[in-house]
């Protein structure tokens, strides 16, 4: 899998002392799992249901803050796995690991999942990072995602060896490896073609991965010159990433404005950070 972290943050502040019931299930579960008594404040600049990994970012921030408060300095991989286990084991939310690793490490990652997770931190040149940031448009459709239901349905189909799903996932794995090379080389044009094919196979996984709004956005962006696009996360709404030639970026952005909000973004070069028992990812 290939993953690129963007600069949006969840911030956690801890105050030791008497715990109070917390209305956010993720926070309550984290306190229970860590055995920590105290008050928690959590802030996030992620849009709700955007498919940008906001819940994973919050989970990693909680993991790092709680570990620091208890005198531990775990690795990014440990934080990612703790955050993922928090969602899956404590809250029963189906999901993968990639967003947790993106929040913990930052930057561009190549992830290989097996009995263990192999993490390749993909070097990005300054020129490559500028090219990504100048040619990629991020659109928030405002539609609520259905990631848990979608992921469960896709996993069930894969376990049943449904040919459509197996073939699509196999090809997506090949494309992810090619994306790693394109990112390393700073070749945004090749990346656009790979992303575009990836979206075609992603759509084949489940009929609810795309929506009428995303399809309309897709048509408008391509008519304006987009080279490649895909919905992020499990989709069903959320955000769409569009890659265009530099000369077409403004026209593409204008063409998709009726279908969502253009979000400012840049590459996150760092992952989770801890300072004074607060955590920021």
Protein backbone atom coordinates (compact mmCIF):
# COMPACT_ATOMS: atom_id res chain seq x y z
CA UNK A 1 0.00 0.00 0.00
CA UNK A 2 1.11 3.56 -0.70
CA UNK A 3 0.13 6.42 1.63
CA UNK A 4 0.82 10.16 1.72
CA UNK A 5 0.19 12.06 4.97
CA UNK A 6 -1.21 15.58 4.73
CA UNK A 7 -0.82 18.43 7.19
CA UNK A 8 -3.98 18.20 9.25
CA UNK A 9 -3.72 17.57 12.98
CA UNK A 10 -5.48 16.10 15.99
CA UNK A 11 -4.29 17.63 19.26
CA UNK A 12 -4.60 15.96 22.65
CA UNK A 13 -3.98 17.60 26.00
CA UNK A 14 -3.96 15.61 29.23
CA UNK A 15 -4.43 16.85 32.78
CA UNK A 16 -3.69 14.30 35.48
CA UNK A 17 -6.20 13.91 38.28
CA UNK A 18 -9.70 12.68 38.68
CA UNK A 19 -11.19 11.23 35.52
CA UNK A 20 -14.54 12.41 34.25
CA UNK A 21 -16.92 10.51 31.95
CA UNK A 22 -16.08 11.44 28.37
CA UNK A 23 -18.75 11.78 25.70
CA UNK A 24 -16.39 10.84 22.84
CA UNK A 25 -16.26 7.01 22.64
CA UNK A 26 -12.70 7.00 21.26
CA UNK A 27 -11.41 9.03 24.21
CA UNK A 28 -13.31 6.98 26.79
CA UNK A 29 -11.96 3.76 25.26
CA UNK A 30 -8.39 5.10 25.20
CA UNK A 31 -8.50 6.07 28.88
CA UNK A 32 -9.91 2.68 29.79
CA UNK A 33 -7.36 0.79 27.69
CA UNK A 34 -4.42 2.80 29.09
CA UNK A 35 -5.68 2.73 32.68
CA UNK A 36 -5.16 6.48 32.91
CA UNK A 37 -6.98 8.77 35.35
CA UNK A 38 -7.25 12.35 34.21
CA UNK A 39 -8.97 14.88 31.99
CA UNK A 40 -8.57 14.88 28.22
CA UNK A 41 -9.08 17.63 25.70
CA UNK A 42 -9.01 16.69 22.03
CA UNK A 43 -9.14 19.08 19.07
CA UNK A 44 -9.03 18.26 15.37
CA UNK A 45 -8.95 20.21 12.14
CA UNK A 46 -10.19 17.24 10.08
CA UNK A 47 -13.62 17.65 8.40
CA UNK A 48 -16.09 15.05 9.66
CA UNK A 49 -16.25 11.89 7.54
CA UNK A 50 -13.77 13.23 5.00
CA UNK A 51 -11.84 10.01 4.46
CA UNK A 52 -8.61 11.74 5.50
CA UNK A 53 -7.89 9.52 8.50
CA UNK A 54 -9.11 11.93 11.16
CA UNK A 55 -10.16 9.24 13.65
CA UNK A 56 -6.84 7.45 13.18
CA UNK A 57 -4.98 10.70 13.75
CA UNK A 58 -6.91 11.23 16.98
CA UNK A 59 -6.20 7.66 18.08
CA UNK A 60 -2.46 8.01 17.48
CA UNK A 61 -2.42 11.37 19.28
CA UNK A 62 -4.18 9.79 22.25
CA UNK A 63 -1.77 6.86 22.24
CA UNK A 64 1.26 9.14 22.23
CA UNK A 65 -0.06 11.48 24.92
CA UNK A 66 -1.09 8.64 27.22
CA UNK A 67 2.22 6.84 26.73
CA UNK A 68 4.17 10.02 27.53
CA UNK A 69 2.04 10.66 30.63
CA UNK A 70 2.92 7.17 31.86
CA UNK A 71 6.63 7.61 31.19
CA UNK A 72 6.89 5.62 27.96
CA UNK A 73 8.46 6.56 24.61
CA UNK A 74 7.10 3.99 22.14
CA UNK A 75 7.98 3.67 18.48
CA UNK A 76 5.70 5.06 15.74
CA UNK A 77 4.80 1.49 14.78
CA UNK A 78 3.69 0.73 18.35
CA UNK A 79 1.54 3.88 18.40
CA UNK A 80 -0.07 2.93 15.09
CA UNK A 81 -0.88 -0.58 16.27
CA UNK A 82 -2.20 0.65 19.64
CA UNK A 83 -4.46 3.16 17.89
CA UNK A 84 -5.72 0.57 15.44
CA UNK A 85 -6.41 -1.93 18.23
CA UNK A 86 -8.31 0.80 20.08
CA UNK A 87 -10.73 1.17 17.16
CA UNK A 88 -11.06 -2.53 16.34
CA UNK A 89 -10.96 -4.19 19.77
CA UNK A 90 -12.53 -1.51 21.96
CA UNK A 91 -14.99 0.12 19.57
CA UNK A 92 -15.65 -2.65 17.04
CA UNK A 93 -14.87 -0.42 14.05
CA UNK A 94 -13.72 -2.28 10.95
CA UNK A 95 -10.73 -0.69 9.31
CA UNK A 96 -7.20 -1.05 8.07
CA UNK A 97 -3.86 0.07 9.44
CA UNK A 98 -2.69 2.55 6.82
CA UNK A 99 -4.18 5.72 8.33
CA UNK A 100 -2.74 4.93 11.75
CA UNK A 101 0.73 4.48 10.28
CA UNK A 102 0.39 7.72 8.27
CA UNK A 103 -0.45 9.64 11.45
CA UNK A 104 2.40 8.04 13.40
CA UNK A 105 5.12 8.44 10.77
CA UNK A 106 4.05 11.29 8.48
CA UNK A 107 5.43 11.72 4.98
CA UNK A 108 5.08 9.17 2.19
CA UNK A 109 4.94 5.51 3.16
CA UNK A 110 5.05 2.17 1.42
CA UNK A 111 3.28 -0.36 3.64
CA UNK A 112 3.35 -4.13 3.24
CA UNK A 113 0.96 -6.11 5.42
CA UNK A 114 1.58 -9.68 6.49
CA UNK A 115 2.27 -11.30 9.85
CA UNK A 116 4.02 -8.01 10.58
CA UNK A 117 3.85 -4.59 8.92
CA UNK A 118 6.86 -3.54 6.84
CA UNK A 119 7.21 0.24 6.68
CA UNK A 120 9.16 1.93 3.90
CA UNK A 121 9.56 5.68 4.38
CA UNK A 122 9.64 7.03 0.83
CA UNK A 123 12.04 9.97 0.41
CA UNK A 124 10.38 13.01 -1.17
CA UNK A 125 12.57 15.68 -2.71
CA UNK A 126 11.67 19.32 -2.10
CA UNK A 127 10.88 19.64 -5.81
CA UNK A 128 8.70 16.54 -5.74
CA UNK A 129 6.82 17.79 -2.71
CA UNK A 130 6.21 21.18 -4.37
CA UNK A 131 4.97 19.45 -7.52
CA UNK A 132 2.49 17.37 -5.53
CA UNK A 133 1.22 20.36 -3.59
CA UNK A 134 0.84 22.52 -6.70
CA UNK A 135 -0.82 19.93 -8.94
CA UNK A 136 -3.11 18.10 -6.53
CA UNK A 137 -6.57 19.44 -5.66
CA UNK A 138 -8.41 18.13 -2.59
CA UNK A 139 -12.21 18.38 -2.63
CA UNK A 140 -14.47 17.64 0.35
CA UNK A 141 -17.85 16.52 -0.97
CA UNK A 142 -19.58 16.97 2.38
CA UNK A 143 -21.19 13.55 2.09
CA UNK A 144 -21.00 11.22 5.07
CA UNK A 145 -18.86 8.13 4.52
CA UNK A 146 -19.82 4.52 5.24
CA UNK A 147 -16.32 3.18 5.73
CA UNK A 148 -17.08 0.50 8.35
CA UNK A 149 -19.91 -1.09 6.37
CA UNK A 150 -18.02 -0.85 3.10
CA UNK A 151 -14.81 -2.34 4.50
CA UNK A 152 -16.71 -5.23 6.09
CA UNK A 153 -18.52 -6.00 2.84
CA UNK A 154 -15.27 -5.92 0.84
CA UNK A 155 -13.47 -8.13 3.37
CA UNK A 156 -16.32 -10.64 3.31
CA UNK A 157 -16.19 -10.74 -0.50
CA UNK A 158 -12.42 -11.25 -0.41
CA UNK A 159 -12.72 -14.12 2.08
CA UNK A 160 -15.34 -15.67 -0.20
CA UNK A 161 -12.84 -15.27 -3.08
CA UNK A 162 -15.28 -13.26 -5.18
CA UNK A 163 -13.34 -12.91 -8.48
CA UNK A 164 -14.27 -9.27 -9.05
CA UNK A 165 -12.95 -8.26 -5.64
CA UNK A 166 -9.88 -10.52 -5.63
CA UNK A 167 -8.80 -9.32 -9.08
CA UNK A 168 -9.31 -5.66 -8.19
CA UNK A 169 -7.34 -5.91 -4.93
CA UNK A 170 -4.51 -7.79 -6.63
CA UNK A 171 -4.17 -5.08 -9.28
CA UNK A 172 -4.42 -2.31 -6.65
CA UNK A 173 -1.45 -3.87 -4.83
CA UNK A 174 0.61 -3.75 -8.04
CA UNK A 175 -0.38 -0.12 -8.59
CA UNK A 176 0.58 0.80 -5.03
CA UNK A 177 4.12 -0.47 -5.61
CA UNK A 178 4.34 1.60 -8.80
CA UNK A 179 3.07 4.66 -6.89
CA UNK A 180 5.96 4.31 -4.44
CA UNK A 181 8.43 4.57 -7.33
CA UNK A 182 6.60 7.56 -8.84
CA UNK A 183 6.59 9.40 -5.51
CA UNK A 184 10.28 8.69 -4.96
CA UNK A 185 11.05 10.01 -8.45
CA UNK A 186 8.77 13.04 -8.04
CA UNK A 187 6.96 11.95 -11.22
CA UNK A 188 3.51 13.41 -10.63
CA UNK A 189 2.27 12.74 -14.17
CA UNK A 190 2.92 9.00 -13.83
CA UNK A 191 1.41 9.11 -10.35
CA UNK A 192 -1.76 10.64 -11.82
CA UNK A 193 -2.19 7.75 -14.26
CA UNK A 194 -1.62 5.19 -11.51
CA UNK A 195 -4.10 6.91 -9.18
CA UNK A 196 -6.67 7.00 -11.97
CA UNK A 197 -6.41 3.27 -12.62
CA UNK A 198 -6.48 2.60 -8.87
CA UNK A 199 -9.82 4.44 -8.65
CA UNK A 200 -11.27 2.29 -11.42
CA UNK A 201 -10.43 -0.87 -9.46
CA UNK A 202 -11.48 0.66 -6.14
CA UNK A 203 -14.92 1.39 -7.57
CA UNK A 204 -15.22 -2.27 -8.58
CA UNK A 205 -14.92 -3.41 -4.97
CA UNK A 206 -18.41 -2.33 -3.90
CA UNK A 207 -21.27 -0.37 -5.56
CA UNK A 208 -21.48 2.10 -2.66
CA UNK A 209 -17.86 3.21 -2.92
CA UNK A 210 -18.82 5.92 -5.38
CA UNK A 211 -21.81 8.28 -5.20
CA UNK A 212 -23.80 10.34 -7.67
CA UNK A 213 -21.99 13.48 -6.50
CA UNK A 214 -18.56 11.92 -6.86
CA UNK A 215 -19.47 10.68 -10.36
CA UNK A 216 -20.61 14.19 -11.34
CA UNK A 217 -17.42 15.67 -9.90
CA UNK A 218 -15.42 13.07 -11.83
CA UNK A 219 -17.01 14.05 -15.14
CA UNK A 220 -16.54 17.77 -14.52
CA UNK A 221 -12.90 17.41 -13.52
CA UNK A 222 -12.02 15.29 -16.54
CA UNK A 223 -13.76 17.72 -18.89
CA UNK A 224 -11.59 20.48 -17.43
CA UNK A 225 -8.37 18.52 -17.97
CA UNK A 226 -7.80 16.38 -14.86
CA UNK A 227 -5.17 13.68 -15.42
CA UNK A 228 -6.27 11.39 -12.60
CA UNK A 229 -8.46 11.27 -9.52
CA UNK A 230 -9.76 9.02 -6.78
CA UNK A 231 -11.96 9.19 -3.74
CA UNK A 232 -10.05 8.79 -0.48
CA UNK A 233 -10.52 6.30 2.33
CA UNK A 234 -13.27 3.73 1.85
CA UNK A 235 -15.25 6.46 0.07
CA UNK A 236 -19.05 6.48 -0.01
CA UNK A 237 -18.46 10.24 0.17
CA UNK A 238 -15.71 12.15 1.88
CA UNK A 239 -12.87 13.67 -0.13
CA UNK A 240 -11.70 13.32 -3.72
CA UNK A 241 -8.09 13.90 -4.77
CA UNK A 242 -7.52 15.27 -8.28
CA UNK A 243 -4.18 15.54 -10.09
CA UNK A 244 -3.88 17.93 -13.02
CA UNK A 245 -1.19 19.48 -15.15
CA UNK A 246 -0.06 22.73 -13.55
CA UNK A 247 -1.62 24.75 -16.39
CA UNK A 248 -5.03 23.13 -15.74
CA UNK A 249 -5.18 23.22 -11.93
CA UNK A 250 -7.18 26.45 -11.61
CA UNK A 251 -9.68 25.40 -14.29
CA UNK A 252 -10.14 21.97 -12.73
CA UNK A 253 -10.66 23.49 -9.28
CA UNK A 254 -13.29 25.87 -10.63
CA UNK A 255 -15.09 23.01 -12.42
CA UNK A 256 -15.55 20.97 -9.25
CA UNK A 257 -16.60 23.80 -6.91
CA UNK A 258 -20.33 22.99 -7.36
CA UNK A 259 -19.68 19.53 -5.89
CA UNK A 260 -17.70 20.34 -2.77
CA UNK A 261 -15.29 22.51 -0.84
CA UNK A 262 -11.69 22.92 -2.02
CA UNK A 263 -9.48 22.17 1.00
CA UNK A 264 -6.02 23.70 1.39
CA UNK A 265 -3.42 21.05 2.04
CA UNK A 266 0.31 20.29 2.10
CA UNK A 267 2.43 17.23 2.73
CA UNK A 268 2.99 16.41 6.41
CA UNK A 269 6.72 15.81 6.69
CA UNK A 270 6.47 14.69 10.33
CA UNK A 271 4.14 12.37 12.19
CA UNK A 272 3.14 12.36 15.83
CA UNK A 273 4.90 14.82 18.15
CA UNK A 274 4.75 15.01 21.95
CA UNK A 275 5.38 18.09 24.06
CA UNK A 276 4.55 18.66 27.75
CA UNK A 277 2.26 15.65 27.86
CA UNK A 278 0.31 16.81 24.84
CA UNK A 279 0.27 15.04 21.51
CA UNK A 280 -0.14 16.42 18.01
CA UNK A 281 -0.48 14.38 14.81
